[in-house]
Amino acid sequence: MHLREMSTRAERVPLQLVVKVVVGGEAYRAEMVNLSLTGGFLEASFPVGTVMQLHLPLPGGEPMVIAARVRREGWCQKFLDRPKVDNLAIRAFGIGISFDDLDDPDAQRLQDFLDLVLDRS
């Protein structure tokens, strides 16, 4: 499952996941608002073109480390998980990122995680 063979717009899964972002040797925390096999949206602020390592805390082992690049800056719909309120959403400002060269085993692990998140929603 090479990412180059996939369509440019993979299914985005809304979630709330704190991740570690490493840029130029410096580590930052950010919240991931949505995630797909090709990228995601972070509540963070880095210039377009910034290269980073994204550390995704996935179940079943060590965090997955993915090379990524900032593609855009802007707004995204963020769904909040609140008791007694269905489909609560706000606008979140941040960055859209794309993944660089995700290999087959990592792509499968990420797809398994996305399937798990979708099954729980």
PDB file of N, CA and C in Angstrom:
ATOM      1  N   MET A   1       0.847  -1.173   0.000  1.00  0.00           N
ATOM      2  CA  MET A   1       0.000   0.000   0.000  1.00  0.00           C
ATOM      3  C   MET A   1       0.888   1.230   0.000  1.00  0.00           C
ATOM      4  N   HIS A   2       1.389   1.616  -1.138  1.00  0.00           N
ATOM      5  CA  HIS A   2       2.230   2.798  -1.243  1.00  0.00           C
ATOM      6  C   HIS A   2       1.352   4.033  -1.310  1.00  0.00           C
ATOM      7  N   LEU A   3       1.734   5.048  -0.545  1.00  0.00           N
ATOM      8  CA  LEU A   3       0.939   6.268  -0.521  1.00  0.00           C
ATOM      9  C   LEU A   3       0.859   6.911  -1.892  1.00  0.00           C
ATOM     10  N   ARG A   4       1.901   6.729  -2.710  1.00  0.00           N
ATOM     11  CA  ARG A   4       1.879   7.310  -4.049  1.00  0.00           C
ATOM     12  C   ARG A   4       0.757   6.728  -4.901  1.00  0.00           C
ATOM     13  N   GLU A   5       0.308   5.509  -4.571  1.00  0.00           N
ATOM     14  CA  GLU A   5      -0.735   4.849  -5.345  1.00  0.00           C
ATOM     15  C   GLU A   5      -2.136   5.243  -4.868  1.00  0.00           C
ATOM     16  N   MET A   6      -2.216   5.941  -3.734  1.00  0.00           N
ATOM     17  CA  MET A   6      -3.515   6.311  -3.184  1.00  0.00           C
ATOM     18  C   MET A   6      -3.984   7.619  -3.796  1.00  0.00           C
ATOM     19  N   SER A   7      -5.262   7.875  -3.668  1.00  0.00           N
ATOM     20  CA  SER A   7      -5.777   9.168  -4.124  1.00  0.00           C
ATOM     21  C   SER A   7      -5.187  10.259  -3.235  1.00  0.00           C
ATOM     22  N   THR A   8      -5.206  11.484  -3.718  1.00  0.00           N
ATOM     23  CA  THR A   8      -4.609  12.576  -2.970  1.00  0.00           C
ATOM     24  C   THR A   8      -5.445  12.972  -1.763  1.00  0.00           C
ATOM     25  N   ARG A   9      -6.665  12.536  -1.673  1.00  0.00           N
ATOM     26  CA  ARG A   9      -7.534  12.911  -0.558  1.00  0.00           C
ATOM     27  C   ARG A   9      -8.050  11.643   0.132  1.00  0.00           C
ATOM     28  N   ALA A  10      -7.340  11.193   1.153  1.00  0.00           N
ATOM     29  CA  ALA A  10      -7.748  10.011   1.908  1.00  0.00           C
ATOM     30  C   ALA A  10      -8.816  10.411   2.921  1.00  0.00           C
ATOM     31  N   GLU A  11      -9.565   9.428   3.403  1.00  0.00           N
ATOM     32  CA  GLU A  11     -10.619   9.696   4.383  1.00  0.00           C
ATOM     33  C   GLU A  11     -10.025  10.259   5.660  1.00  0.00           C
ATOM     34  N   ARG A  12     -10.540  11.397   6.084  1.00  0.00           N
ATOM     35  CA  ARG A  12     -10.076  12.048   7.310  1.00  0.00           C
ATOM     36  C   ARG A  12     -10.940  11.608   8.473  1.00  0.00           C
ATOM     37  N   VAL A  13     -10.277  11.224   9.543  1.00  0.00           N
ATOM     38  CA  VAL A  13     -10.970  10.748  10.737  1.00  0.00           C
ATOM     39  C   VAL A  13     -10.824  11.811  11.830  1.00  0.00           C
ATOM     40  N   PRO A  14     -11.943  12.375  12.315  1.00  0.00           N
ATOM     41  CA  PRO A  14     -11.836  13.355  13.392  1.00  0.00           C
ATOM     42  C   PRO A  14     -11.433  12.659  14.692  1.00  0.00           C
ATOM     43  N   LEU A  15     -10.546  13.301  15.432  1.00  0.00           N
ATOM     44  CA  LEU A  15     -10.115  12.759  16.717  1.00  0.00           C
ATOM     45  C   LEU A  15      -9.494  13.864  17.545  1.00  0.00           C
ATOM     46  N   GLN A  16      -9.200  13.562  18.781  1.00  0.00           N
ATOM     47  CA  GLN A  16      -8.493  14.474  19.669  1.00  0.00           C
ATOM     48  C   GLN A  16      -7.326  13.684  20.237  1.00  0.00           C
ATOM     49  N   LEU A  17      -6.125  13.948  19.725  1.00  0.00           N
ATOM     50  CA  LEU A  17      -4.962  13.158  20.088  1.00  0.00           C
ATOM     51  C   LEU A  17      -3.766  14.088  20.287  1.00  0.00           C
ATOM     52  N   VAL A  18      -3.180  14.060  21.485  1.00  0.00           N
ATOM     53  CA  VAL A  18      -1.992  14.858  21.744  1.00  0.00           C
ATOM     54  C   VAL A  18      -0.792  14.117  21.162  1.00  0.00           C
ATOM     55  N   VAL A  19      -0.012  14.834  20.352  1.00  0.00           N
ATOM     56  CA  VAL A  19       1.146  14.247  19.680  1.00  0.00           C
ATOM     57  C   VAL A  19       2.387  15.087  19.998  1.00  0.00           C
ATOM     58  N   LYS A  20       3.531  14.480  19.752  1.00  0.00           N
ATOM     59  CA  LYS A  20       4.798  15.208  19.859  1.00  0.00           C
ATOM     60  C   LYS A  20       5.255  15.544  18.450  1.00  0.00           C
ATOM     61  N   VAL A  21       5.663  16.785  18.260  1.00  0.00           N
ATOM     62  CA  VAL A  21       6.173  17.262  16.984  1.00  0.00           C
ATOM     63  C   VAL A  21       7.619  17.690  17.212  1.00  0.00           C
ATOM     64  N   VAL A  22       8.529  17.203  16.389  1.00  0.00           N
ATOM     65  CA  VAL A  22       9.932  17.589  16.497  1.00  0.00           C
ATOM     66  C   VAL A  22      10.314  18.354  15.232  1.00  0.00           C
ATOM     67  N   VAL A  23      10.761  19.601  15.432  1.00  0.00           N
ATOM     68  CA  VAL A  23      11.179  20.476  14.340  1.00  0.00           C
ATOM     69  C   VAL A  23      12.550  21.038  14.697  1.00  0.00           C
ATOM     70  N   GLY A  24      13.527  20.774  13.850  1.00  0.00           N
ATOM     71  CA  GLY A  24      14.869  21.296  14.085  1.00  0.00           C
ATOM     72  C   GLY A  24      15.456  20.884  15.421  1.00  0.00           C
ATOM     73  N   GLY A  25      15.157  19.681  15.873  1.00  0.00           N
ATOM     74  CA  GLY A  25      15.683  19.183  17.136  1.00  0.00           C
ATOM     75  C   GLY A  25      14.906  19.617  18.365  1.00  0.00           C
ATOM     76  N   GLU A  26      13.936  20.498  18.208  1.00  0.00           N
ATOM     77  CA  GLU A  26      13.103  20.960  19.320  1.00  0.00           C
ATOM     78  C   GLU A  26      11.781  20.205  19.330  1.00  0.00           C
ATOM     79  N   ALA A  27      11.348  19.770  20.517  1.00  0.00           N
ATOM     80  CA  ALA A  27      10.094  19.020  20.650  1.00  0.00           C
ATOM     81  C   ALA A  27       8.973  19.941  21.122  1.00  0.00           C
ATOM     82  N   TYR A  28       7.781  19.744  20.547  1.00  0.00           N
ATOM     83  CA  TYR A  28       6.591  20.516  20.884  1.00  0.00           C
ATOM     84  C   TYR A  28       5.418  19.554  21.059  1.00  0.00           C
ATOM     85  N   ARG A  29       4.425  19.982  21.837  1.00  0.00           N
ATOM     86  CA  ARG A  29       3.175  19.232  21.943  1.00  0.00           C
ATOM     87  C   ARG A  29       2.132  19.920  21.082  1.00  0.00           C
ATOM     88  N   ALA A  30       1.300  19.112  20.444  1.00  0.00           N
ATOM     89  CA  ALA A  30       0.220  19.667  19.621  1.00  0.00           C
ATOM     90  C   ALA A  30      -0.955  18.712  19.682  1.00  0.00           C
ATOM     91  N   GLU A  31      -2.142  19.220  19.394  1.00  0.00           N
ATOM     92  CA  GLU A  31      -3.309  18.358  19.334  1.00  0.00           C
ATOM     93  C   GLU A  31      -3.663  18.089  17.874  1.00  0.00           C
ATOM     94  N   MET A  32      -3.803  16.812  17.552  1.00  0.00           N
ATOM     95  CA  MET A  32      -4.219  16.418  16.218  1.00  0.00           C
ATOM     96  C   MET A  32      -5.747  16.457  16.182  1.00  0.00           C
ATOM     97  N   VAL A  33      -6.290  17.146  15.187  1.00  0.00           N
ATOM     98  CA  VAL A  33      -7.734  17.334  15.055  1.00  0.00           C
ATOM     99  C   VAL A  33      -8.338  16.307  14.110  1.00  0.00           C
ATOM    100  N   ASN A  34      -7.602  15.954  13.060  1.00  0.00           N
ATOM    101  CA  ASN A  34      -8.034  14.864  12.182  1.00  0.00           C
ATOM    102  C   ASN A  34      -6.806  14.172  11.623  1.00  0.00           C
ATOM    103  N   LEU A  35      -7.017  12.956  11.145  1.00  0.00           N
ATOM    104  CA  LEU A  35      -5.910  12.122  10.706  1.00  0.00           C
ATOM    105  C   LEU A  35      -6.377  11.241   9.562  1.00  0.00           C
ATOM    106  N   SER A  36      -5.487  11.025   8.604  1.00  0.00           N
ATOM    107  CA  SER A  36      -5.747  10.108   7.500  1.00  0.00           C
ATOM    108  C   SER A  36      -4.454   9.367   7.197  1.00  0.00           C
ATOM    109  N   LEU A  37      -4.490   8.506   6.201  1.00  0.00           N
ATOM    110  CA  LEU A  37      -3.271   7.793   5.797  1.00  0.00           C
ATOM    111  C   LEU A  37      -2.255   8.703   5.118  1.00  0.00           C
ATOM    112  N   THR A  38      -2.686   9.857   4.666  1.00  0.00           N
ATOM    113  CA  THR A  38      -1.766  10.745   3.950  1.00  0.00           C
ATOM    114  C   THR A  38      -1.376  11.993   4.722  1.00  0.00           C
ATOM    115  N   GLY A  39      -2.013  12.253   5.869  1.00  0.00           N
ATOM    116  CA  GLY A  39      -1.678  13.441   6.641  1.00  0.00           C
ATOM    117  C   GLY A  39      -2.694  13.728   7.716  1.00  0.00           C
ATOM    118  N   GLY A  40      -2.752  14.975   8.135  1.00  0.00           N
ATOM    119  CA  GLY A  40      -3.685  15.352   9.185  1.00  0.00           C
ATOM    120  C   GLY A  40      -3.676  16.843   9.406  1.00  0.00           C
ATOM    121  N   PHE A  41      -4.371  17.256  10.463  1.00  0.00           N
ATOM    122  CA  PHE A  41      -4.456  18.671  10.821  1.00  0.00           C
ATOM    123  C   PHE A  41      -4.098  18.797  12.294  1.00  0.00           C
ATOM    124  N   LEU A  42      -3.156  19.703  12.587  1.00  0.00           N
ATOM    125  CA  LEU A  42      -2.679  19.931  13.949  1.00  0.00           C
ATOM    126  C   LEU A  42      -3.021  21.329  14.411  1.00  0.00           C
ATOM    127  N   GLU A  43      -3.403  21.450  15.676  1.00  0.00           N
ATOM    128  CA  GLU A  43      -3.510  22.765  16.285  1.00  0.00           C
ATOM    129  C   GLU A  43      -2.086  23.155  16.681  1.00  0.00           C
ATOM    130  N   ALA A  44      -1.405  23.801  15.775  1.00  0.00           N
ATOM    131  CA  ALA A  44      -0.013  24.205  15.947  1.00  0.00           C
ATOM    132  C   ALA A  44       0.257  25.315  14.947  1.00  0.00           C
ATOM    133  N   SER A  45       1.426  25.932  15.074  1.00  0.00           N
ATOM    134  CA  SER A  45       1.767  27.006  14.156  1.00  0.00           C
ATOM    135  C   SER A  45       3.217  26.857  13.713  1.00  0.00           C
ATOM    136  N   PHE A  46       3.385  26.416  12.476  1.00  0.00           N
ATOM    137  CA  PHE A  46       4.689  26.327  11.827  1.00  0.00           C
ATOM    138  C   PHE A  46       4.505  26.822  10.399  1.00  0.00           C
ATOM    139  N   PRO A  47       5.532  27.427   9.829  1.00  0.00           N
ATOM    140  CA  PRO A  47       5.403  27.939   8.461  1.00  0.00           C
ATOM    141  C   PRO A  47       5.185  26.817   7.439  1.00  0.00           C
ATOM    142  N   VAL A  48       4.477  27.152   6.366  1.00  0.00           N
ATOM    143  CA  VAL A  48       4.295  26.215   5.258  1.00  0.00           C
ATOM    144  C   VAL A  48       5.673  25.808   4.752  1.00  0.00           C
ATOM    145  N   GLY A  49       5.847  24.506   4.515  1.00  0.00           N
ATOM    146  CA  GLY A  49       7.119  23.971   4.059  1.00  0.00           C
ATOM    147  C   GLY A  49       7.972  23.377   5.168  1.00  0.00           C
ATOM    148  N   THR A  50       7.617  23.648   6.441  1.00  0.00           N
ATOM    149  CA  THR A  50       8.395  23.117   7.566  1.00  0.00           C
ATOM    150  C   THR A  50       8.383  21.595   7.548  1.00  0.00           C
ATOM    151  N   VAL A  51       9.570  21.008   7.700  1.00  0.00           N
ATOM    152  CA  VAL A  51       9.715  19.554   7.779  1.00  0.00           C
ATOM    153  C   VAL A  51       9.742  19.177   9.253  1.00  0.00           C
ATOM    154  N   MET A  52       9.030  18.098   9.605  1.00  0.00           N
ATOM    155  CA  MET A  52       8.929  17.696  11.007  1.00  0.00           C
ATOM    156  C   MET A  52       8.877  16.190  11.146  1.00  0.00           C
ATOM    157  N   GLN A  53       9.086  15.740  12.364  1.00  0.00           N
ATOM    158  CA  GLN A  53       8.814  14.363  12.737  1.00  0.00           C
ATOM    159  C   GLN A  53       7.603  14.396  13.644  1.00  0.00           C
ATOM    160  N   LEU A  54       6.627  13.577  13.323  1.00  0.00           N
ATOM    161  CA  LEU A  54       5.411  13.478  14.105  1.00  0.00           C
ATOM    162  C   LEU A  54       5.448  12.166  14.869  1.00  0.00           C
ATOM    163  N   HIS A  55       5.287  12.231  16.181  1.00  0.00           N
ATOM    164  CA  HIS A  55       5.281  11.043  17.031  1.00  0.00           C
ATOM    165  C   HIS A  55       3.834  10.764  17.439  1.00  0.00           C
ATOM    166  N   LEU A  56       3.247   9.734  16.826  1.00  0.00           N
ATOM    167  CA  LEU A  56       1.860   9.363  17.087  1.00  0.00           C
ATOM    168  C   LEU A  56       1.808   8.271  18.148  1.00  0.00           C
ATOM    169  N   PRO A  57       1.147   8.524  19.283  1.00  0.00           N
ATOM    170  CA  PRO A  57       1.031   7.496  20.321  1.00  0.00           C
ATOM    171  C   PRO A  57      -0.078   6.510  19.980  1.00  0.00           C
ATOM    172  N   LEU A  58       0.255   5.459  19.246  1.00  0.00           N
ATOM    173  CA  LEU A  58      -0.739   4.469  18.839  1.00  0.00           C
ATOM    174  C   LEU A  58      -0.735   3.289  19.800  1.00  0.00           C
ATOM    175  N   PRO A  59      -1.884   2.616  19.959  1.00  0.00           N
ATOM    176  CA  PRO A  59      -1.923   1.453  20.844  1.00  0.00           C
ATOM    177  C   PRO A  59      -1.059   0.315  20.301  1.00  0.00           C
ATOM    178  N   GLY A  60      -0.597  -0.528  21.210  1.00  0.00           N
ATOM    179  CA  GLY A  60       0.111  -1.727  20.787  1.00  0.00           C
ATOM    180  C   GLY A  60       1.585  -1.553  20.535  1.00  0.00           C
ATOM    181  N   GLY A  61       2.218  -0.618  21.214  1.00  0.00           N
ATOM    182  CA  GLY A  61       3.655  -0.488  21.015  1.00  0.00           C
ATOM    183  C   GLY A  61       4.148   0.927  21.145  1.00  0.00           C
ATOM    184  N   GLU A  62       5.341   1.107  20.637  1.00  0.00           N
ATOM    185  CA  GLU A  62       5.992   2.413  20.673  1.00  0.00           C
ATOM    186  C   GLU A  62       5.238   3.404  19.777  1.00  0.00           C
ATOM    187  N   PRO A  63       5.369   4.703  20.054  1.00  0.00           N
ATOM    188  CA  PRO A  63       4.764   5.685  19.158  1.00  0.00           C
ATOM    189  C   PRO A  63       5.325   5.533  17.744  1.00  0.00           C
ATOM    190  N   MET A  64       4.484   5.784  16.768  1.00  0.00           N
ATOM    191  CA  MET A  64       4.912   5.757  15.372  1.00  0.00           C
ATOM    192  C   MET A  64       5.532   7.115  15.056  1.00  0.00           C
ATOM    193  N   VAL A  65       6.723   7.089  14.474  1.00  0.00           N
ATOM    194  CA  VAL A  65       7.404   8.323  14.083  1.00  0.00           C
ATOM    195  C   VAL A  65       7.293   8.460  12.570  1.00  0.00           C
ATOM    196  N   ILE A  66       6.683   9.571  12.136  1.00  0.00           N
ATOM    197  CA  ILE A  66       6.397   9.785  10.723  1.00  0.00           C
ATOM    198  C   ILE A  66       7.017  11.106  10.276  1.00  0.00           C
ATOM    199  N   ALA A  67       7.734  11.077   9.173  1.00  0.00           N
ATOM    200  CA  ALA A  67       8.239  12.308   8.565  1.00  0.00           C
ATOM    201  C   ALA A  67       7.061  13.027   7.910  1.00  0.00           C
ATOM    202  N   ALA A  68       6.947  14.320   8.157  1.00  0.00           N
ATOM    203  CA  ALA A  68       5.821  15.088   7.624  1.00  0.00           C
ATOM    204  C   ALA A  68       6.290  16.476   7.213  1.00  0.00           C
ATOM    205  N   ARG A  69       5.409  17.147   6.468  1.00  0.00           N
ATOM    206  CA  ARG A  69       5.706  18.499   5.985  1.00  0.00           C
ATOM    207  C   ARG A  69       4.425  19.329   6.082  1.00  0.00           C
ATOM    208  N   VAL A  70       4.573  20.599   6.490  1.00  0.00           N
ATOM    209  CA  VAL A  70       3.438  21.520   6.568  1.00  0.00           C
ATOM    210  C   VAL A  70       3.049  21.922   5.155  1.00  0.00           C
ATOM    211  N   ARG A  71       1.784  21.706   4.797  1.00  0.00           N
ATOM    212  CA  ARG A  71       1.280  22.044   3.459  1.00  0.00           C
ATOM    213  C   ARG A  71       0.423  23.297   3.434  1.00  0.00           C
ATOM    214  N   ARG A  72      -0.253  23.569   4.566  1.00  0.00           N
ATOM    215  CA  ARG A  72      -1.115  24.751   4.583  1.00  0.00           C
ATOM    216  C   ARG A  72      -1.330  25.210   6.015  1.00  0.00           C
ATOM    217  N   GLU A  73      -1.753  26.451   6.133  1.00  0.00           N
ATOM    218  CA  GLU A  73      -2.121  27.021   7.416  1.00  0.00           C
ATOM    219  C   GLU A  73      -3.552  27.503   7.270  1.00  0.00           C
ATOM    220  N   GLY A  74      -4.370  27.290   8.289  1.00  0.00           N
ATOM    221  CA  GLY A  74      -5.752  27.734   8.176  1.00  0.00           C
ATOM    222  C   GLY A  74      -6.637  27.174   9.260  1.00  0.00           C
ATOM    223  N   TRP A  75      -7.906  27.045   8.909  1.00  0.00           N
ATOM    224  CA  TRP A  75      -8.932  26.629   9.861  1.00  0.00           C
ATOM    225  C   TRP A  75      -9.422  25.221   9.531  1.00  0.00           C
ATOM    226  N   CYS A  76      -9.893  24.549  10.564  1.00  0.00           N
ATOM    227  CA  CYS A  76     -10.448  23.202  10.408  1.00  0.00           C
ATOM    228  C   CYS A  76     -11.557  23.027  11.433  1.00  0.00           C
ATOM    229  N   GLN A  77     -12.550  22.248  11.083  1.00  0.00           N
ATOM    230  CA  GLN A  77     -13.613  21.936  12.031  1.00  0.00           C
ATOM    231  C   GLN A  77     -13.092  20.926  13.042  1.00  0.00           C
ATOM    232  N   LYS A  78     -13.294  21.218  14.319  1.00  0.00           N
ATOM    233  CA  LYS A  78     -12.832  20.347  15.402  1.00  0.00           C
ATOM    234  C   LYS A  78     -14.053  19.885  16.195  1.00  0.00           C
ATOM    235  N   PHE A  79     -14.265  18.577  16.228  1.00  0.00           N
ATOM    236  CA  PHE A  79     -15.373  18.015  16.982  1.00  0.00           C
ATOM    237  C   PHE A  79     -14.929  17.781  18.409  1.00  0.00           C
ATOM    238  N   LEU A  80     -15.731  18.207  19.368  1.00  0.00           N
ATOM    239  CA  LEU A  80     -15.412  18.046  20.775  1.00  0.00           C
ATOM    240  C   LEU A  80     -16.241  16.917  21.359  1.00  0.00           C
ATOM    241  N   ASP A  81     -15.601  16.103  22.146  1.00  0.00           N
ATOM    242  CA  ASP A  81     -16.271  14.977  22.791  1.00  0.00           C
ATOM    243  C   ASP A  81     -16.729  15.428  24.177  1.00  0.00           C
ATOM    244  N   ARG A  82     -17.990  15.805  24.281  1.00  0.00           N
ATOM    245  CA  ARG A  82     -18.551  16.292  25.535  1.00  0.00           C
ATOM    246  C   ARG A  82     -19.788  15.483  25.894  1.00  0.00           C
ATOM    247  N   PRO A  83     -19.881  15.048  27.144  1.00  0.00           N
ATOM    248  CA  PRO A  83     -21.085  14.327  27.566  1.00  0.00           C
ATOM    249  C   PRO A  83     -22.327  15.195  27.404  1.00  0.00           C
ATOM    250  N   LYS A  84     -23.405  14.597  27.045  1.00  0.00           N
ATOM    251  CA  LYS A  84     -24.722  15.233  26.918  1.00  0.00           C
ATOM    252  C   LYS A  84     -24.840  16.211  25.756  1.00  0.00           C
ATOM    253  N   VAL A  85     -23.816  16.332  24.915  1.00  0.00           N
ATOM    254  CA  VAL A  85     -23.881  17.214  23.750  1.00  0.00           C
ATOM    255  C   VAL A  85     -23.399  16.424  22.544  1.00  0.00           C
ATOM    256  N   ASP A  86     -24.284  16.226  21.583  1.00  0.00           N
ATOM    257  CA  ASP A  86     -23.916  15.499  20.371  1.00  0.00           C
ATOM    258  C   ASP A  86     -23.433  16.463  19.304  1.00  0.00           C
ATOM    259  N   ASN A  87     -22.382  16.045  18.594  1.00  0.00           N
ATOM    260  CA  ASN A  87     -21.870  16.779  17.432  1.00  0.00           C
ATOM    261  C   ASN A  87     -21.507  18.227  17.719  1.00  0.00           C
ATOM    262  N   LEU A  88     -20.852  18.472  18.837  1.00  0.00           N
ATOM    263  CA  LEU A  88     -20.372  19.804  19.159  1.00  0.00           C
ATOM    264  C   LEU A  88     -19.087  20.051  18.378  1.00  0.00           C
ATOM    265  N   ALA A  89     -19.047  21.129  17.604  1.00  0.00           N
ATOM    266  CA  ALA A  89     -17.875  21.426  16.786  1.00  0.00           C
ATOM    267  C   ALA A  89     -17.520  22.900  16.913  1.00  0.00           C
ATOM    268  N   ILE A  90     -16.232  23.167  16.847  1.00  0.00           N
ATOM    269  CA  ILE A  90     -15.722  24.531  16.832  1.00  0.00           C
ATOM    270  C   ILE A  90     -14.730  24.637  15.680  1.00  0.00           C
ATOM    271  N   ARG A  91     -14.291  25.845  15.402  1.00  0.00           N
ATOM    272  CA  ARG A  91     -13.248  26.034  14.387  1.00  0.00           C
ATOM    273  C   ARG A  91     -11.912  26.087  15.098  1.00  0.00           C
ATOM    274  N   ALA A  92     -10.952  25.336  14.595  1.00  0.00           N
ATOM    275  CA  ALA A  92      -9.614  25.313  15.164  1.00  0.00           C
ATOM    276  C   ALA A  92      -8.631  25.866  14.139  1.00  0.00           C
ATOM    277  N   PHE A  93      -7.714  26.687  14.598  1.00  0.00           N
ATOM    278  CA  PHE A  93      -6.673  27.216  13.721  1.00  0.00           C
ATOM    279  C   PHE A  93      -5.437  26.340  13.850  1.00  0.00           C
ATOM    280  N   GLY A  94      -4.789  26.064  12.735  1.00  0.00           N
ATOM    281  CA  GLY A  94      -3.597  25.239  12.791  1.00  0.00           C
ATOM    282  C   GLY A  94      -2.999  25.007  11.424  1.00  0.00           C
ATOM    283  N   ILE A  95      -2.414  23.810  11.261  1.00  0.00           N
ATOM    284  CA  ILE A  95      -1.687  23.486  10.034  1.00  0.00           C
ATOM    285  C   ILE A  95      -2.117  22.135   9.484  1.00  0.00           C
ATOM    286  N   GLY A  96      -2.195  22.069   8.175  1.00  0.00           N
ATOM    287  CA  GLY A  96      -2.411  20.808   7.491  1.00  0.00           C
ATOM    288  C   GLY A  96      -1.060  20.227   7.127  1.00  0.00           C
ATOM    289  N   ILE A  97      -0.851  18.952   7.448  1.00  0.00           N
ATOM    290  CA  ILE A  97       0.422  18.305   7.162  1.00  0.00           C
ATOM    291  C   ILE A  97       0.209  17.106   6.249  1.00  0.00           C
ATOM    292  N   SER A  98       1.244  16.766   5.502  1.00  0.00           N
ATOM    293  CA  SER A  98       1.218  15.538   4.701  1.00  0.00           C
ATOM    294  C   SER A  98       2.388  14.674   5.139  1.00  0.00           C
ATOM    295  N   PHE A  99       2.197  13.366   5.026  1.00  0.00           N
ATOM    296  CA  PHE A  99       3.238  12.419   5.409  1.00  0.00           C
ATOM    297  C   PHE A  99       4.150  12.150   4.223  1.00  0.00           C
ATOM    298  N   ASP A 100       5.430  11.976   4.517  1.00  0.00           N
ATOM    299  CA  ASP A 100       6.428  11.666   3.499  1.00  0.00           C
ATOM    300  C   ASP A 100       6.840  10.207   3.628  1.00  0.00           C
ATOM    301  N   ASP A 101       6.718   9.444   2.562  1.00  0.00           N
ATOM    302  CA  ASP A 101       7.252   8.078   2.476  1.00  0.00           C
ATOM    303  C   ASP A 101       6.901   7.173   3.644  1.00  0.00           C
ATOM    304  N   LEU A 102       5.629   7.000   3.905  1.00  0.00           N
ATOM    305  CA  LEU A 102       5.162   6.061   4.927  1.00  0.00           C
ATOM    306  C   LEU A 102       5.278   4.654   4.349  1.00  0.00           C
ATOM    307  N   ASP A 103       6.071   3.792   4.991  1.00  0.00           N
ATOM    308  CA  ASP A 103       6.260   2.444   4.432  1.00  0.00           C
ATOM    309  C   ASP A 103       5.052   1.558   4.721  1.00  0.00           C
ATOM    310  N   ASP A 104       4.985   0.413   4.052  1.00  0.00           N
ATOM    311  CA  ASP A 104       3.812  -0.459   4.131  1.00  0.00           C
ATOM    312  C   ASP A 104       3.452  -0.902   5.551  1.00  0.00           C
ATOM    313  N   PRO A 105       4.414  -1.372   6.371  1.00  0.00           N
ATOM    314  CA  PRO A 105       4.036  -1.777   7.731  1.00  0.00           C
ATOM    315  C   PRO A 105       3.478  -0.614   8.555  1.00  0.00           C
ATOM    316  N   ASP A 106       4.078   0.580   8.432  1.00  0.00           N
ATOM    317  CA  ASP A 106       3.557   1.735   9.163  1.00  0.00           C
ATOM    318  C   ASP A 106       2.199   2.165   8.634  1.00  0.00           C
ATOM    319  N   ALA A 107       2.013   2.117   7.315  1.00  0.00           N
ATOM    320  CA  ALA A 107       0.716   2.463   6.724  1.00  0.00           C
ATOM    321  C   ALA A 107      -0.363   1.503   7.224  1.00  0.00           C
ATOM    322  N   GLN A 108      -0.036   0.222   7.341  1.00  0.00           N
ATOM    323  CA  GLN A 108      -1.012  -0.751   7.837  1.00  0.00           C
ATOM    324  C   GLN A 108      -1.325  -0.507   9.314  1.00  0.00           C
ATOM    325  N   ARG A 109      -0.311  -0.204  10.112  1.00  0.00           N
ATOM    326  CA  ARG A 109      -0.536   0.089  11.534  1.00  0.00           C
ATOM    327  C   ARG A 109      -1.408   1.332  11.694  1.00  0.00           C
ATOM    328  N   LEU A 110      -1.148   2.349  10.879  1.00  0.00           N
ATOM    329  CA  LEU A 110      -1.956   3.561  10.926  1.00  0.00           C
ATOM    330  C   LEU A 110      -3.382   3.279  10.477  1.00  0.00           C
ATOM    331  N   GLN A 111      -3.561   2.491   9.424  1.00  0.00           N
ATOM    332  CA  GLN A 111      -4.907   2.143   8.961  1.00  0.00           C
ATOM    333  C   GLN A 111      -5.666   1.368  10.028  1.00  0.00           C
ATOM    334  N   ASP A 112      -5.000   0.448  10.720  1.00  0.00           N
ATOM    335  CA  ASP A 112      -5.635  -0.303  11.813  1.00  0.00           C
ATOM    336  C   ASP A 112      -6.114   0.644  12.910  1.00  0.00           C
ATOM    337  N   PHE A 113      -5.296   1.654  13.229  1.00  0.00           N
ATOM    338  CA  PHE A 113      -5.681   2.637  14.244  1.00  0.00           C
ATOM    339  C   PHE A 113      -6.882   3.454  13.772  1.00  0.00           C
ATOM    340  N   LEU A 114      -6.862   3.911  12.528  1.00  0.00           N
ATOM    341  CA  LEU A 114      -7.984   4.684  11.985  1.00  0.00           C
ATOM    342  C   LEU A 114      -9.269   3.859  11.997  1.00  0.00           C
ATOM    343  N   ASP A 115      -9.174   2.579  11.642  1.00  0.00           N
ATOM    344  CA  ASP A 115     -10.342   1.691  11.681  1.00  0.00           C
ATOM    345  C   ASP A 115     -10.880   1.566  13.108  1.00  0.00           C
ATOM    346  N   LEU A 116      -9.976   1.472  14.089  1.00  0.00           N
ATOM    347  CA  LEU A 116     -10.376   1.382  15.493  1.00  0.00           C
ATOM    348  C   LEU A 116     -11.109   2.634  15.934  1.00  0.00           C
ATOM    349  N   VAL A 117     -10.586   3.797  15.555  1.00  0.00           N
ATOM    350  CA  VAL A 117     -11.232   5.074  15.911  1.00  0.00           C
ATOM    351  C   VAL A 117     -12.618   5.154  15.267  1.00  0.00           C
ATOM    352  N   LEU A 118     -12.725   4.761  14.003  1.00  0.00           N
ATOM    353  CA  LEU A 118     -14.028   4.808  13.323  1.00  0.00           C
ATOM    354  C   LEU A 118     -15.030   3.843  13.950  1.00  0.00           C
ATOM    355  N   ASP A 119     -14.563   2.675  14.390  1.00  0.00           N
ATOM    356  CA  ASP A 119     -15.454   1.696  15.026  1.00  0.00           C
ATOM    357  C   ASP A 119     -16.001   2.213  16.345  1.00  0.00           C
ATOM    358  N   ARG A 120     -15.229   3.055  17.031  1.00  0.00           N
ATOM    359  CA  ARG A 120     -15.647   3.575  18.343  1.00  0.00           C
ATOM    360  C   ARG A 120     -16.537   4.805  18.235  1.00  0.00           C
ATOM    361  N   SER A 121     -16.628   5.381  17.043  1.00  0.00           N
ATOM    362  CA  SER A 121     -17.442   6.611  16.924  1.00  0.00           C
ATOM    363  C   SER A 121     -18.843   6.298  16.463  1.00  0.00           C
TER     364      SER A 121
END
